[in-house]
C-alpha atoms as a PDB file:
ATOM      1  CA  UNK A   1      25.770 -11.024  -2.668  1.00  0.00           C
ATOM      2  CA  UNK A   2      22.076 -11.430  -3.514  1.00  0.00           C
ATOM      3  CA  UNK A   3      19.910  -8.926  -5.351  1.00  0.00           C
ATOM      4  CA  UNK A   4      16.118  -9.214  -5.147  1.00  0.00           C
ATOM      5  CA  UNK A   5      13.986  -8.269  -8.141  1.00  0.00           C
ATOM      6  CA  UNK A   6      10.199  -8.374  -7.810  1.00  0.00           C
ATOM      7  CA  UNK A   7       8.193 -10.114 -10.529  1.00  0.00           C
ATOM      8  CA  UNK A   8       5.197 -12.273 -11.323  1.00  0.00           C
ATOM      9  CA  UNK A   9       4.978 -15.885 -12.552  1.00  0.00           C
ATOM     10  CA  UNK A  10       2.239 -16.333 -15.111  1.00  0.00           C
ATOM     11  CA  UNK A  11       1.635 -18.869 -17.854  1.00  0.00           C
ATOM     12  CA  UNK A  12       4.994 -20.553 -17.282  1.00  0.00           C
ATOM     13  CA  UNK A  13       7.044 -17.311 -17.487  1.00  0.00           C
ATOM     14  CA  UNK A  14       8.572 -14.985 -14.958  1.00  0.00           C
ATOM     15  CA  UNK A  15       7.851 -11.295 -15.697  1.00  0.00           C
ATOM     16  CA  UNK A  16      10.196  -8.958 -13.904  1.00  0.00           C
ATOM     17  CA  UNK A  17       8.842  -5.611 -12.645  1.00  0.00           C
ATOM     18  CA  UNK A  18      12.249  -3.908 -12.911  1.00  0.00           C
ATOM     19  CA  UNK A  19      15.421  -4.466 -14.925  1.00  0.00           C
ATOM     20  CA  UNK A  20      17.697  -7.344 -13.947  1.00  0.00           C
ATOM     21  CA  UNK A  21      20.926  -6.263 -12.269  1.00  0.00           C
ATOM     22  CA  UNK A  22      23.050  -7.892 -14.995  1.00  0.00           C
ATOM     23  CA  UNK A  23      22.821  -8.922 -18.574  1.00  0.00           C
ATOM     24  CA  UNK A  24      25.326 -11.773 -18.207  1.00  0.00           C
ATOM     25  CA  UNK A  25      24.394 -15.401 -17.791  1.00  0.00           C
ATOM     26  CA  UNK A  26      23.692 -15.851 -14.072  1.00  0.00           C
ATOM     27  CA  UNK A  27      22.243 -18.501 -11.817  1.00  0.00           C
ATOM     28  CA  UNK A  28      19.027 -17.359 -10.121  1.00  0.00           C
ATOM     29  CA  UNK A  29      16.725 -18.540  -7.329  1.00  0.00           C
ATOM     30  CA  UNK A  30      12.986 -18.081  -7.817  1.00  0.00           C
ATOM     31  CA  UNK A  31      10.793 -17.981  -4.720  1.00  0.00           C
ATOM     32  CA  UNK A  32       7.053 -18.458  -5.051  1.00  0.00           C
ATOM     33  CA  UNK A  33       5.252 -16.270  -2.461  1.00  0.00           C
ATOM     34  CA  UNK A  34       1.669 -16.915  -1.420  1.00  0.00           C
ATOM     35  CA  UNK A  35      -0.867 -14.488  -2.779  1.00  0.00           C
ATOM     36  CA  UNK A  36      -1.432 -11.665  -0.316  1.00  0.00           C
ATOM     37  CA  UNK A  37      -4.978 -11.371   0.885  1.00  0.00           C
ATOM     38  CA  UNK A  38      -6.552  -8.184   2.022  1.00  0.00           C
ATOM     39  CA  UNK A  39      -6.366  -7.990   5.821  1.00  0.00           C
ATOM     40  CA  UNK A  40     -10.056  -7.179   6.576  1.00  0.00           C
ATOM     41  CA  UNK A  41     -12.321  -9.114   8.890  1.00  0.00           C
ATOM     42  CA  UNK A  42     -15.772 -10.357   7.981  1.00  0.00           C
ATOM     43  CA  UNK A  43     -17.504  -7.251   9.305  1.00  0.00           C
ATOM     44  CA  UNK A  44     -15.377  -4.967   7.067  1.00  0.00           C
ATOM     45  CA  UNK A  45     -13.262  -3.527   9.866  1.00  0.00           C
ATOM     46  CA  UNK A  46      -9.461  -3.576   9.404  1.00  0.00           C
ATOM     47  CA  UNK A  47      -7.679  -6.193  11.484  1.00  0.00           C
ATOM     48  CA  UNK A  48      -4.744  -5.234  13.699  1.00  0.00           C
ATOM     49  CA  UNK A  49      -1.341  -5.508  12.004  1.00  0.00           C
ATOM     50  CA  UNK A  50      -2.611  -4.400   8.622  1.00  0.00           C
ATOM     51  CA  UNK A  51      -0.329  -2.035   6.678  1.00  0.00           C
ATOM     52  CA  UNK A  52      -3.498  -0.271   5.494  1.00  0.00           C
ATOM     53  CA  UNK A  53      -3.443   1.797   8.701  1.00  0.00           C
ATOM     54  CA  UNK A  54      -0.464   3.772   7.346  1.00  0.00           C
ATOM     55  CA  UNK A  55      -2.865   5.526   5.030  1.00  0.00           C
ATOM     56  CA  UNK A  56      -4.740   6.864   8.038  1.00  0.00           C
ATOM     57  CA  UNK A  57      -1.808   9.251   8.713  1.00  0.00           C
ATOM     58  CA  UNK A  58      -2.414  11.154   5.468  1.00  0.00           C
ATOM     59  CA  UNK A  59      -3.241  14.778   6.267  1.00  0.00           C
ATOM     60  CA  UNK A  60      -2.264  14.513   9.962  1.00  0.00           C
ATOM     61  CA  UNK A  61       0.711  16.360  11.365  1.00  0.00           C
ATOM     62  CA  UNK A  62       3.115  14.980  13.931  1.00  0.00           C
ATOM     63  CA  UNK A  63       5.916  16.753  15.771  1.00  0.00           C
ATOM     64  CA  UNK A  64       9.245  15.430  16.884  1.00  0.00           C
ATOM     65  CA  UNK A  65      10.626  16.775  20.163  1.00  0.00           C
ATOM     66  CA  UNK A  66      13.585  19.181  19.891  1.00  0.00           C
ATOM     67  CA  UNK A  67      15.737  16.819  22.042  1.00  0.00           C
ATOM     68  CA  UNK A  68      15.002  13.754  19.890  1.00  0.00           C
ATOM     69  CA  UNK A  69      18.668  13.266  18.872  1.00  0.00           C
ATOM     70  CA  UNK A  70      20.163  14.103  22.287  1.00  0.00           C
ATOM     71  CA  UNK A  71      21.939  11.287  24.145  1.00  0.00           C
ATOM     72  CA  UNK A  72      19.759   9.205  26.441  1.00  0.00           C
ATOM     73  CA  UNK A  73      20.697   9.698  30.104  1.00  0.00           C
ATOM     74  CA  UNK A  74      20.442   5.925  30.792  1.00  0.00           C
ATOM     75  CA  UNK A  75      23.219   5.297  28.252  1.00  0.00           C
ATOM     76  CA  UNK A  76      25.709   7.991  29.246  1.00  0.00           C
ATOM     77  CA  UNK A  77      27.947   5.405  30.986  1.00  0.00           C
ATOM     78  CA  UNK A  78      28.426   3.754  27.610  1.00  0.00           C
ATOM     79  CA  UNK A  79      29.123   6.912  25.603  1.00  0.00           C
END
């Protein structure tokens, strides 16, 4: 089983952002991820697909229908 721990590679060292899952000697695999760039177009407007749009929901209210968890009629043959 694999456990992922986020960190940063800087000046030849890996700095973990959280404790390692073990203190025993263990083989590890280090993946170097490309630096994330801000997803904004040249005119300053957010591009589609940007996770920044999640922040737009702050302060808004949404309602879930009362029958949200009810079985779907199209699937009743399989239930």
